[in-house]
Amino acid sequence: MVIGGVSVKQLTTFTRQFSTLQDAGLPVLRSLRILEHQLKPGVLKNALIDVVEDVESGSTLSEAFGKHPKCFDRLYVNMVKAGEAGGASPPPKLTRTSFDGSLWPFWFTPRTRT
C-alpha cells in the first residue's frame, strides 16, 4: 500500500531503522543522514534531505517531518511531537510498535469496501 508516494513498507523500514540508530545512541542528524544515504531516489529520500536541513537550521524533528505530509502523516508527526514533549529520543517507542507493518495499515489507512 502506498500513502502519498511512500509505501507503508518503506515508512515502516525507515522508522525501525531510525529507532535502532537512536537506541544505539547516535545523534538525530547523524541517524537521518545515514538513512538518507541508504535510500533509493524518491519521495522519502528527498524529504529526508529537507528534514536534515530543517533540523540543522533549528527546527524540531516533528516540525521538519510536518513539512512533508506525503511522507509523514499527521499521526506520525504527532507521535514524534509527543515523544519530543516527553523527552524521548525520536522516534518514540510507540512509533516503533504502531508502525510494525501490520497494526498501522489496519487501523490508520482508508479501507475500500467491496
C-alpha atoms as a PDB file:
ATOM      1  CA  MET A   1       0.000   0.000   0.000  1.00  0.00           C
ATOM      2  CA  VAL A   2       1.283   3.443  -0.924  1.00  0.00           C
ATOM      3  CA  ILE A   3       0.427   6.536   1.074  1.00  0.00           C
ATOM      4  CA  GLY A   4       1.196   9.772  -0.750  1.00  0.00           C
ATOM      5  CA  GLY A   5       4.067   8.305  -2.699  1.00  0.00           C
ATOM      6  CA  VAL A   6       5.709   6.446   0.206  1.00  0.00           C
ATOM      7  CA  SER A   7       4.805   2.816   0.745  1.00  0.00           C
ATOM      8  CA  VAL A   8       3.864   1.585   4.191  1.00  0.00           C
ATOM      9  CA  LYS A   9       6.752  -0.872   3.948  1.00  0.00           C
ATOM     10  CA  GLN A  10       9.235   1.914   3.185  1.00  0.00           C
ATOM     11  CA  LEU A  11       7.972   4.101   6.046  1.00  0.00           C
ATOM     12  CA  THR A  12       7.972   1.135   8.428  1.00  0.00           C
ATOM     13  CA  THR A  13      11.530   0.217   7.465  1.00  0.00           C
ATOM     14  CA  PHE A  14      12.678   3.821   7.872  1.00  0.00           C
ATOM     15  CA  THR A  15      11.015   4.073  11.298  1.00  0.00           C
ATOM     16  CA  ARG A  16      12.519   0.822  12.560  1.00  0.00           C
ATOM     17  CA  GLN A  17      16.000   1.713  11.338  1.00  0.00           C
ATOM     18  CA  PHE A  18      15.764   5.225  12.763  1.00  0.00           C
ATOM     19  CA  SER A  19      14.648   3.846  16.109  1.00  0.00           C
ATOM     20  CA  THR A  20      17.513   1.348  16.107  1.00  0.00           C
ATOM     21  CA  LEU A  21      20.065   4.090  15.405  1.00  0.00           C
ATOM     22  CA  GLN A  22      18.589   6.217  18.191  1.00  0.00           C
ATOM     23  CA  ASP A  23      18.672   3.265  20.603  1.00  0.00           C
ATOM     24  CA  ALA A  24      22.355   2.877  19.720  1.00  0.00           C
ATOM     25  CA  GLY A  25      22.949   6.442  20.888  1.00  0.00           C
ATOM     26  CA  LEU A  26      23.595   8.162  17.566  1.00  0.00           C
ATOM     27  CA  PRO A  27      22.603  11.822  17.276  1.00  0.00           C
ATOM     28  CA  VAL A  28      19.390  12.529  15.369  1.00  0.00           C
ATOM     29  CA  LEU A  29      21.121  14.308  12.486  1.00  0.00           C
ATOM     30  CA  ARG A  30      23.682  11.542  12.029  1.00  0.00           C
ATOM     31  CA  SER A  31      20.908   8.948  12.045  1.00  0.00           C
ATOM     32  CA  LEU A  32      18.917  10.875   9.448  1.00  0.00           C
ATOM     33  CA  ARG A  33      21.959  11.310   7.212  1.00  0.00           C
ATOM     34  CA  ILE A  34      22.813   7.602   7.376  1.00  0.00           C
ATOM     35  CA  LEU A  35      19.272   6.633   6.423  1.00  0.00           C
ATOM     36  CA  GLU A  36      19.035   9.273   3.715  1.00  0.00           C
ATOM     37  CA  HIS A  37      22.208   7.934   2.075  1.00  0.00           C
ATOM     38  CA  GLN A  38      20.833   4.380   2.154  1.00  0.00           C
ATOM     39  CA  LEU A  39      17.545   5.257   0.457  1.00  0.00           C
ATOM     40  CA  LYS A  40      16.930   4.935  -3.252  1.00  0.00           C
ATOM     41  CA  PRO A  41      15.941   8.137  -5.050  1.00  0.00           C
ATOM     42  CA  GLY A  42      12.334   9.022  -4.407  1.00  0.00           C
ATOM     43  CA  VAL A  43       9.887  10.985  -2.308  1.00  0.00           C
ATOM     44  CA  LEU A  44      11.194   9.788   1.073  1.00  0.00           C
ATOM     45  CA  LYS A  45      14.839  10.438   0.229  1.00  0.00           C
ATOM     46  CA  ASN A  46      14.018  13.954  -0.994  1.00  0.00           C
ATOM     47  CA  ALA A  47      12.006  14.600   2.158  1.00  0.00           C
ATOM     48  CA  LEU A  48      14.874  13.416   4.379  1.00  0.00           C
ATOM     49  CA  ILE A  49      17.290  15.751   2.622  1.00  0.00           C
ATOM     50  CA  ASP A  50      14.957  18.627   3.521  1.00  0.00           C
ATOM     51  CA  VAL A  51      14.391  17.288   7.058  1.00  0.00           C
ATOM     52  CA  VAL A  52      18.149  17.257   7.704  1.00  0.00           C
ATOM     53  CA  GLU A  53      18.437  20.862   6.503  1.00  0.00           C
ATOM     54  CA  ASP A  54      15.495  21.957   8.657  1.00  0.00           C
ATOM     55  CA  VAL A  55      16.812  20.247  11.798  1.00  0.00           C
ATOM     56  CA  GLU A  56      20.265  21.739  11.182  1.00  0.00           C
ATOM     57  CA  SER A  57      18.567  25.145  10.982  1.00  0.00           C
ATOM     58  CA  GLY A  58      16.962  24.693  14.393  1.00  0.00           C
ATOM     59  CA  SER A  59      13.587  23.121  13.632  1.00  0.00           C
ATOM     60  CA  THR A  60      12.363  20.288  15.797  1.00  0.00           C
ATOM     61  CA  LEU A  61      12.136  16.880  14.187  1.00  0.00           C
ATOM     62  CA  SER A  62       8.334  16.965  14.295  1.00  0.00           C
ATOM     63  CA  GLU A  63       8.296  20.381  12.591  1.00  0.00           C
ATOM     64  CA  ALA A  64      10.647  19.119   9.894  1.00  0.00           C
ATOM     65  CA  PHE A  65       8.598  15.945   9.344  1.00  0.00           C
ATOM     66  CA  GLY A  66       5.399  18.015   9.315  1.00  0.00           C
ATOM     67  CA  LYS A  67       6.576  19.883   6.214  1.00  0.00           C
ATOM     68  CA  HIS A  68       6.348  16.606   4.266  1.00  0.00           C
ATOM     69  CA  PRO A  69       2.797  15.288   4.586  1.00  0.00           C
ATOM     70  CA  LYS A  70       3.283  12.990   1.573  1.00  0.00           C
ATOM     71  CA  CYS A  71       5.767  11.037   3.679  1.00  0.00           C
ATOM     72  CA  PHE A  72       4.823  11.687   7.282  1.00  0.00           C
ATOM     73  CA  ASP A  73       1.118  11.990   8.012  1.00  0.00           C
ATOM     74  CA  ARG A  74      -0.342  13.877  10.983  1.00  0.00           C
ATOM     75  CA  LEU A  75      -0.406  10.766  13.155  1.00  0.00           C
ATOM     76  CA  TYR A  76       3.295  10.125  12.559  1.00  0.00           C
ATOM     77  CA  VAL A  77       4.240  13.762  13.155  1.00  0.00           C
ATOM     78  CA  ASN A  78       2.148  13.971  16.322  1.00  0.00           C
ATOM     79  CA  MET A  79       3.673  10.766  17.697  1.00  0.00           C
ATOM     80  CA  VAL A  80       7.151  12.228  17.189  1.00  0.00           C
ATOM     81  CA  LYS A  81       5.961  15.515  18.731  1.00  0.00           C
ATOM     82  CA  ALA A  82       4.626  13.650  21.781  1.00  0.00           C
ATOM     83  CA  GLY A  83       7.960  11.914  22.146  1.00  0.00           C
ATOM     84  CA  GLU A  84       9.781  15.236  21.977  1.00  0.00           C
ATOM     85  CA  ALA A  85       7.496  16.726  24.618  1.00  0.00           C
ATOM     86  CA  GLY A  86       8.041  13.715  26.862  1.00  0.00           C
ATOM     87  CA  GLY A  87      11.796  13.841  26.448  1.00  0.00           C
ATOM     88  CA  ALA A  88      12.009  10.577  24.494  1.00  0.00           C
ATOM     89  CA  SER A  89      14.596  10.102  21.798  1.00  0.00           C
ATOM     90  CA  PRO A  90      12.757  10.225  18.494  1.00  0.00           C
ATOM     91  CA  PRO A  91      11.060   8.215  17.208  1.00  0.00           C
ATOM     92  CA  PRO A  92       9.174   7.303  20.361  1.00  0.00           C
ATOM     93  CA  LYS A  93       8.745   3.654  21.295  1.00  0.00           C
ATOM     94  CA  LEU A  94       5.062   3.970  20.461  1.00  0.00           C
ATOM     95  CA  THR A  95       6.034   4.669  16.867  1.00  0.00           C
ATOM     96  CA  ARG A  96       8.115   1.530  16.755  1.00  0.00           C
ATOM     97  CA  THR A  97       5.209  -0.697  17.811  1.00  0.00           C
ATOM     98  CA  SER A  98       2.481   1.155  15.945  1.00  0.00           C
ATOM     99  CA  PHE A  99       4.309   1.088  12.631  1.00  0.00           C
ATOM    100  CA  ASP A 100       5.138  -2.613  12.690  1.00  0.00           C
ATOM    101  CA  GLY A 101       3.838  -3.224   9.193  1.00  0.00           C
ATOM    102  CA  SER A 102       0.611  -4.846  10.285  1.00  0.00           C
ATOM    103  CA  LEU A 103      -1.074  -2.791  13.014  1.00  0.00           C
ATOM    104  CA  TRP A 104      -0.584   0.626  11.424  1.00  0.00           C
ATOM    105  CA  PRO A 105      -2.052  -0.122   7.986  1.00  0.00           C
ATOM    106  CA  PHE A 106      -5.020  -1.909   9.547  1.00  0.00           C
ATOM    107  CA  TRP A 107      -6.042   0.938  11.845  1.00  0.00           C
ATOM    108  CA  PHE A 108      -4.944   4.066  10.038  1.00  0.00           C
ATOM    109  CA  THR A 109      -5.414   3.620   6.317  1.00  0.00           C
ATOM    110  CA  PRO A 110      -8.623   4.133   4.380  1.00  0.00           C
ATOM    111  CA  ARG A 111     -10.483   0.960   3.534  1.00  0.00           C
ATOM    112  CA  THR A 112     -12.237   0.239   0.282  1.00  0.00           C
ATOM    113  CA  ARG A 113     -15.489  -1.584   0.767  1.00  0.00           C
ATOM    114  CA  THR A 114     -16.113  -4.449  -1.599  1.00  0.00           C
END
